[in-house]
Amino acid sequence: MRVLGIDPGFTRCGIGVVESLSGKKLRLVDFGIIRTDSKAPLQERLMSLDAALSDWIERVSPNAIAVERVFSQLNVRTAMATGQAAGVALLLAAKSGLPIALHTPTEVKAAVTGSGRADKAQVAQMVVKILGLKEAPKPVDTTDALALAICHHWRGSSSEALASAAKKERARLGKLKETNSRRSRSRN
């Protein structure tokens, strides 16, 4: 499975693509940054982000897209811009028919480091270790995007597997109920 992680941002949007190999082994596919002109009007920045994300989706052919859930305690302006960038990513994923997952920063930190309170340096160190890199990708937005993709492999995949298993079990129980109903009618 190949996951495109997106650390949404208007000025810098981090991109990270991670692929699963055998077992829990993961491999770096690609990473990068999408920048928009801070002096450009909002609609041009949204279109620029849309075009760049579309190119990434087409080029790396992900099986799922993981986006950081927008969260801000203090800076409403930053949260709005991040939310708009996340909205573009979510819309593109939906148009592509790809599964979408939203992961909180705490969830990502916990999945990658074992602690939801880890700092950016600890997350970067674990991304390097997990993906077998020589150094952390720069800028930090790319490392965050890779951490999102790793989180989705380890947490999102199991959630999807559980949902799939539950769906199969419901179908099996439905068939069993139908079979029992037919048997009951044929006895009468």
C-alpha atoms as a PDB file:
ATOM      1  CA  MET A   1       0.000   0.000   0.000  1.00  0.00           C
ATOM      2  CA  ARG A   2       1.196   3.510  -0.818  1.00  0.00           C
ATOM      3  CA  VAL A   3       0.124   6.458   1.351  1.00  0.00           C
ATOM      4  CA  LEU A   4       0.436  10.131   0.444  1.00  0.00           C
ATOM      5  CA  GLY A   5       0.818  12.147   3.645  1.00  0.00           C
ATOM      6  CA  ILE A   6      -0.092  15.838   3.484  1.00  0.00           C
ATOM      7  CA  ASP A   7       0.924  18.358   6.144  1.00  0.00           C
ATOM      8  CA  PRO A   8      -1.388  21.149   4.982  1.00  0.00           C
ATOM      9  CA  GLY A   9      -0.201  24.694   4.800  1.00  0.00           C
ATOM     10  CA  PHE A  10      -0.692  27.650   2.533  1.00  0.00           C
ATOM     11  CA  THR A  11       2.848  28.967   2.397  1.00  0.00           C
ATOM     12  CA  ARG A  12       4.431  25.506   2.702  1.00  0.00           C
ATOM     13  CA  CYS A  13       2.488  22.279   2.267  1.00  0.00           C
ATOM     14  CA  GLY A  14       4.534  19.200   3.170  1.00  0.00           C
ATOM     15  CA  ILE A  15       4.216  16.062   1.080  1.00  0.00           C
ATOM     16  CA  GLY A  16       5.474  12.592   1.971  1.00  0.00           C
ATOM     17  CA  VAL A  17       4.893   9.278   0.238  1.00  0.00           C
ATOM     18  CA  VAL A  18       5.539   6.007   2.074  1.00  0.00           C
ATOM     19  CA  GLU A  19       4.986   2.484   0.808  1.00  0.00           C
ATOM     20  CA  SER A  20       4.606  -0.722   2.802  1.00  0.00           C
ATOM     21  CA  LEU A  21       6.810  -3.659   1.986  1.00  0.00           C
ATOM     22  CA  SER A  22       6.589  -6.947   3.881  1.00  0.00           C
ATOM     23  CA  GLY A  23       5.182  -6.930   7.382  1.00  0.00           C
ATOM     24  CA  LYS A  24       5.525  -3.536   9.012  1.00  0.00           C
ATOM     25  CA  LYS A  25       8.563  -2.529   6.920  1.00  0.00           C
ATOM     26  CA  LEU A  26       8.080   0.819   5.196  1.00  0.00           C
ATOM     27  CA  ARG A  27       9.935   2.488   2.352  1.00  0.00           C
ATOM     28  CA  LEU A  28      10.282   6.136   1.412  1.00  0.00           C
ATOM     29  CA  VAL A  29       8.927   6.771  -2.081  1.00  0.00           C
ATOM     30  CA  ASP A  30       9.202  10.561  -2.343  1.00  0.00           C
ATOM     31  CA  PHE A  31       8.783  13.790  -0.443  1.00  0.00           C
ATOM     32  CA  GLY A  32       8.586  17.456  -1.225  1.00  0.00           C
ATOM     33  CA  ILE A  33       7.118  20.810  -0.482  1.00  0.00           C
ATOM     34  CA  ILE A  34       4.464  22.814  -2.264  1.00  0.00           C
ATOM     35  CA  ARG A  35       4.870  26.551  -1.926  1.00  0.00           C
ATOM     36  CA  THR A  36       2.382  29.241  -2.840  1.00  0.00           C
ATOM     37  CA  ASP A  37       3.107  32.924  -3.359  1.00  0.00           C
ATOM     38  CA  SER A  38       2.166  34.718  -0.141  1.00  0.00           C
ATOM     39  CA  LYS A  39       1.439  37.899  -2.124  1.00  0.00           C
ATOM     40  CA  ALA A  40      -0.993  36.192  -4.524  1.00  0.00           C
ATOM     41  CA  PRO A  41      -4.777  36.451  -4.001  1.00  0.00           C
ATOM     42  CA  LEU A  42      -6.425  33.650  -2.027  1.00  0.00           C
ATOM     43  CA  GLN A  43      -8.106  32.061  -5.058  1.00  0.00           C
ATOM     44  CA  GLU A  44      -4.803  31.898  -6.971  1.00  0.00           C
ATOM     45  CA  ARG A  45      -3.087  30.261  -4.017  1.00  0.00           C
ATOM     46  CA  LEU A  46      -5.895  27.693  -3.751  1.00  0.00           C
ATOM     47  CA  MET A  47      -5.659  26.939  -7.482  1.00  0.00           C
ATOM     48  CA  SER A  48      -1.864  26.649  -7.252  1.00  0.00           C
ATOM     49  CA  LEU A  49      -2.151  24.214  -4.351  1.00  0.00           C
ATOM     50  CA  ASP A  50      -4.850  22.264  -6.218  1.00  0.00           C
ATOM     51  CA  ALA A  51      -2.679  21.922  -9.341  1.00  0.00           C
ATOM     52  CA  ALA A  52       0.408  20.857  -7.395  1.00  0.00           C
ATOM     53  CA  LEU A  53      -1.464  18.311  -5.257  1.00  0.00           C
ATOM     54  CA  SER A  54      -3.163  16.930  -8.381  1.00  0.00           C
ATOM     55  CA  ASP A  55       0.263  16.435  -9.945  1.00  0.00           C
ATOM     56  CA  TRP A  56       1.491  14.596  -6.857  1.00  0.00           C
ATOM     57  CA  ILE A  57      -1.551  12.305  -6.803  1.00  0.00           C
ATOM     58  CA  GLU A  58      -1.160  11.509 -10.495  1.00  0.00           C
ATOM     59  CA  ARG A  59       2.591  10.997 -10.271  1.00  0.00           C
ATOM     60  CA  VAL A  60       2.826   8.792  -7.159  1.00  0.00           C
ATOM     61  CA  SER A  61      -0.489   6.879  -7.507  1.00  0.00           C
ATOM     62  CA  PRO A  62      -1.286   6.530  -3.792  1.00  0.00           C
ATOM     63  CA  ASN A  63      -3.766   4.006  -2.419  1.00  0.00           C
ATOM     64  CA  ALA A  64      -4.777   6.382   0.382  1.00  0.00           C
ATOM     65  CA  ILE A  65      -4.266   9.969   1.470  1.00  0.00           C
ATOM     66  CA  ALA A  66      -3.582  10.975   5.072  1.00  0.00           C
ATOM     67  CA  VAL A  67      -4.056  14.624   6.028  1.00  0.00           C
ATOM     68  CA  GLU A  68      -3.204  16.266   9.314  1.00  0.00           C
ATOM     69  CA  ARG A  69      -6.348  17.273  11.170  1.00  0.00           C
ATOM     70  CA  VAL A  70      -6.343  21.032  11.609  1.00  0.00           C
ATOM     71  CA  PHE A  71      -5.899  22.109  15.197  1.00  0.00           C
ATOM     72  CA  SER A  72      -5.004  25.474  16.662  1.00  0.00           C
ATOM     73  CA  GLN A  73      -5.377  26.816  20.146  1.00  0.00           C
ATOM     74  CA  LEU A  74      -4.229  30.363  19.552  1.00  0.00           C
ATOM     75  CA  ASN A  75      -3.664  31.566  15.999  1.00  0.00           C
ATOM     76  CA  VAL A  76      -7.024  31.644  14.220  1.00  0.00           C
ATOM     77  CA  ARG A  77      -5.529  33.094  11.027  1.00  0.00           C
ATOM     78  CA  THR A  78      -3.038  30.222  10.740  1.00  0.00           C
ATOM     79  CA  ALA A  79      -5.778  27.696  11.495  1.00  0.00           C
ATOM     80  CA  MET A  80      -7.973  29.168   8.739  1.00  0.00           C
ATOM     81  CA  ALA A  81      -5.195  29.008   6.139  1.00  0.00           C
ATOM     82  CA  THR A  82      -4.271  25.477   7.197  1.00  0.00           C
ATOM     83  CA  GLY A  83      -7.943  24.497   7.054  1.00  0.00           C
ATOM     84  CA  GLN A  84      -8.285  25.878   3.536  1.00  0.00           C
ATOM     85  CA  ALA A  85      -5.192  23.943   2.411  1.00  0.00           C
ATOM     86  CA  ALA A  86      -6.527  20.781   4.085  1.00  0.00           C
ATOM     87  CA  GLY A  87      -9.868  21.336   2.318  1.00  0.00           C
ATOM     88  CA  VAL A  88      -8.149  21.381  -1.076  1.00  0.00           C
ATOM     89  CA  ALA A  89      -6.350  18.124  -0.215  1.00  0.00           C
ATOM     90  CA  LEU A  90      -9.539  16.445   1.006  1.00  0.00           C
ATOM     91  CA  LEU A  91     -11.514  17.520  -2.055  1.00  0.00           C
ATOM     92  CA  LEU A  92      -8.843  16.178  -4.422  1.00  0.00           C
ATOM     93  CA  ALA A  93      -8.721  12.878  -2.544  1.00  0.00           C
ATOM     94  CA  ALA A  94     -12.515  12.597  -2.745  1.00  0.00           C
ATOM     95  CA  LYS A  95     -12.503  13.396  -6.485  1.00  0.00           C
ATOM     96  CA  SER A  96      -9.818  10.742  -6.980  1.00  0.00           C
ATOM     97  CA  GLY A  97     -11.934   8.156  -5.180  1.00  0.00           C
ATOM     98  CA  LEU A  98      -9.097   7.516  -2.740  1.00  0.00           C
ATOM     99  CA  PRO A  99      -9.632   6.636   0.915  1.00  0.00           C
ATOM    100  CA  ILE A 100      -9.016   9.663   3.119  1.00  0.00           C
ATOM    101  CA  ALA A 101      -7.816   9.704   6.715  1.00  0.00           C
ATOM    102  CA  LEU A 102      -7.446  12.604   9.103  1.00  0.00           C
ATOM    103  CA  HIS A 103      -4.889  12.153  11.885  1.00  0.00           C
ATOM    104  CA  THR A 104      -4.322  14.550  14.768  1.00  0.00           C
ATOM    105  CA  PRO A 105      -0.794  15.732  15.568  1.00  0.00           C
ATOM    106  CA  THR A 106      -0.966  13.841  18.881  1.00  0.00           C
ATOM    107  CA  GLU A 107      -2.030  10.642  17.115  1.00  0.00           C
ATOM    108  CA  VAL A 108       0.836  10.976  14.617  1.00  0.00           C
ATOM    109  CA  LYS A 109       3.408  11.605  17.359  1.00  0.00           C
ATOM    110  CA  ALA A 110       2.142   8.624  19.359  1.00  0.00           C
ATOM    111  CA  ALA A 111       2.207   6.317  16.330  1.00  0.00           C
ATOM    112  CA  VAL A 112       5.712   7.316  15.277  1.00  0.00           C
ATOM    113  CA  THR A 113       7.465   7.862  18.622  1.00  0.00           C
ATOM    114  CA  GLY A 114       5.282   6.112  21.171  1.00  0.00           C
ATOM    115  CA  SER A 115       4.463   9.422  22.878  1.00  0.00           C
ATOM    116  CA  GLY A 116       1.767  11.898  21.905  1.00  0.00           C
ATOM    117  CA  ARG A 117       3.866  14.626  23.544  1.00  0.00           C
ATOM    118  CA  ALA A 118       6.988  14.103  21.434  1.00  0.00           C
ATOM    119  CA  ASP A 119       8.615  17.200  19.986  1.00  0.00           C
ATOM    120  CA  LYS A 120       9.431  17.763  16.309  1.00  0.00           C
ATOM    121  CA  ALA A 121      13.039  16.619  16.791  1.00  0.00           C
ATOM    122  CA  GLN A 122      11.901  13.284  18.249  1.00  0.00           C
ATOM    123  CA  VAL A 123       9.416  12.782  15.408  1.00  0.00           C
ATOM    124  CA  ALA A 124      12.113  13.572  12.826  1.00  0.00           C
ATOM    125  CA  GLN A 125      14.543  11.170  14.519  1.00  0.00           C
ATOM    126  CA  MET A 126      11.994   8.344  14.375  1.00  0.00           C
ATOM    127  CA  VAL A 127      11.058   9.089  10.745  1.00  0.00           C
ATOM    128  CA  VAL A 128      14.757   8.747   9.889  1.00  0.00           C
ATOM    129  CA  LYS A 129      14.985   5.457  11.806  1.00  0.00           C
ATOM    130  CA  ILE A 130      11.724   3.949  10.503  1.00  0.00           C
ATOM    131  CA  LEU A 131      12.475   4.764   6.859  1.00  0.00           C
ATOM    132  CA  GLY A 132      16.223   4.015   7.078  1.00  0.00           C
ATOM    133  CA  LEU A 133      17.265   7.517   6.019  1.00  0.00           C
ATOM    134  CA  LYS A 134      20.636   9.144   6.603  1.00  0.00           C
ATOM    135  CA  GLU A 135      19.082  12.398   7.788  1.00  0.00           C
ATOM    136  CA  ALA A 136      15.715  14.030   8.292  1.00  0.00           C
ATOM    137  CA  PRO A 137      14.175  15.570   5.179  1.00  0.00           C
ATOM    138  CA  LYS A 138      13.995  19.356   5.174  1.00  0.00           C
ATOM    139  CA  PRO A 139      12.008  21.494   5.732  1.00  0.00           C
ATOM    140  CA  VAL A 140      10.212  20.048   8.742  1.00  0.00           C
ATOM    141  CA  ASP A 141       6.879  20.096   6.836  1.00  0.00           C
ATOM    142  CA  THR A 142       8.136  17.171   4.732  1.00  0.00           C
ATOM    143  CA  THR A 143       9.131  15.201   7.831  1.00  0.00           C
ATOM    144  CA  ASP A 144       5.680  15.854   9.292  1.00  0.00           C
ATOM    145  CA  ALA A 145       4.054  14.622   6.070  1.00  0.00           C
ATOM    146  CA  LEU A 146       6.145  11.437   6.150  1.00  0.00           C
ATOM    147  CA  ALA A 147       5.154  10.921   9.804  1.00  0.00           C
ATOM    148  CA  LEU A 148       1.495  11.244   8.739  1.00  0.00           C
ATOM    149  CA  ALA A 149       1.972   8.584   6.070  1.00  0.00           C
ATOM    150  CA  ILE A 150       3.725   6.287   8.577  1.00  0.00           C
ATOM    151  CA  CYS A 151       0.924   6.848  11.096  1.00  0.00           C
ATOM    152  CA  HIS A 152      -1.659   5.912   8.490  1.00  0.00           C
ATOM    153  CA  HIS A 153       0.201   2.715   7.590  1.00  0.00           C
ATOM    154  CA  TRP A 154       0.287   1.659  11.224  1.00  0.00           C
ATOM    155  CA  ARG A 155      -3.054   2.995  12.448  1.00  0.00           C
ATOM    156  CA  GLY A 156      -5.187   3.673   9.395  1.00  0.00           C
ATOM    157  CA  SER A 157      -4.526   0.308   7.793  1.00  0.00           C
ATOM    158  CA  SER A 158      -5.623  -1.570  10.883  1.00  0.00           C
ATOM    159  CA  SER A 159      -8.787   0.560  11.119  1.00  0.00           C
ATOM    160  CA  GLU A 160      -9.545  -0.161   7.460  1.00  0.00           C
ATOM    161  CA  ALA A 161      -8.911  -3.878   8.012  1.00  0.00           C
ATOM    162  CA  LEU A 162     -11.247  -3.911  11.012  1.00  0.00           C
ATOM    163  CA  ALA A 163     -13.941  -2.072   9.046  1.00  0.00           C
ATOM    164  CA  SER A 164     -13.571  -4.538   6.169  1.00  0.00           C
ATOM    165  CA  ALA A 165     -13.756  -7.518   8.535  1.00  0.00           C
ATOM    166  CA  ALA A 166     -16.863  -6.075  10.218  1.00  0.00           C
ATOM    167  CA  LYS A 167     -18.521  -5.570   6.819  1.00  0.00           C
ATOM    168  CA  LYS A 168     -17.766  -9.186   5.829  1.00  0.00           C
ATOM    169  CA  GLU A 169     -19.107 -10.442   9.155  1.00  0.00           C
ATOM    170  CA  ARG A 170     -22.344  -8.443   8.719  1.00  0.00           C
ATOM    171  CA  ALA A 171     -22.750  -9.925   5.230  1.00  0.00           C
ATOM    172  CA  ARG A 172     -22.111 -13.446   6.572  1.00  0.00           C
ATOM    173  CA  LEU A 173     -24.646 -12.961   9.378  1.00  0.00           C
ATOM    174  CA  GLY A 174     -27.173 -11.579   6.882  1.00  0.00           C
ATOM    175  CA  LYS A 175     -26.802 -14.670   4.679  1.00  0.00           C
ATOM    176  CA  LEU A 176     -27.069 -16.947   7.702  1.00  0.00           C
ATOM    177  CA  LYS A 177     -30.243 -15.185   8.850  1.00  0.00           C
ATOM    178  CA  GLU A 178     -31.694 -15.473   5.320  1.00  0.00           C
ATOM    179  CA  THR A 179     -30.843 -19.185   5.160  1.00  0.00           C
ATOM    180  CA  ASN A 180     -32.434 -19.817   8.562  1.00  0.00           C
ATOM    181  CA  SER A 181     -35.533 -17.869   7.502  1.00  0.00           C
ATOM    182  CA  ARG A 182     -35.885 -20.004   4.339  1.00  0.00           C
ATOM    183  CA  ARG A 183     -35.475 -23.201   6.336  1.00  0.00           C
ATOM    184  CA  SER A 184     -38.120 -22.056   8.792  1.00  0.00           C
ATOM    185  CA  ARG A 185     -40.580 -21.237   5.966  1.00  0.00           C
ATOM    186  CA  SER A 186     -39.983 -24.589   4.224  1.00  0.00           C
ATOM    187  CA  ARG A 187     -40.795 -26.487   7.439  1.00  0.00           C
ATOM    188  CA  ASN A 188     -44.126 -24.740   7.792  1.00  0.00           C
END
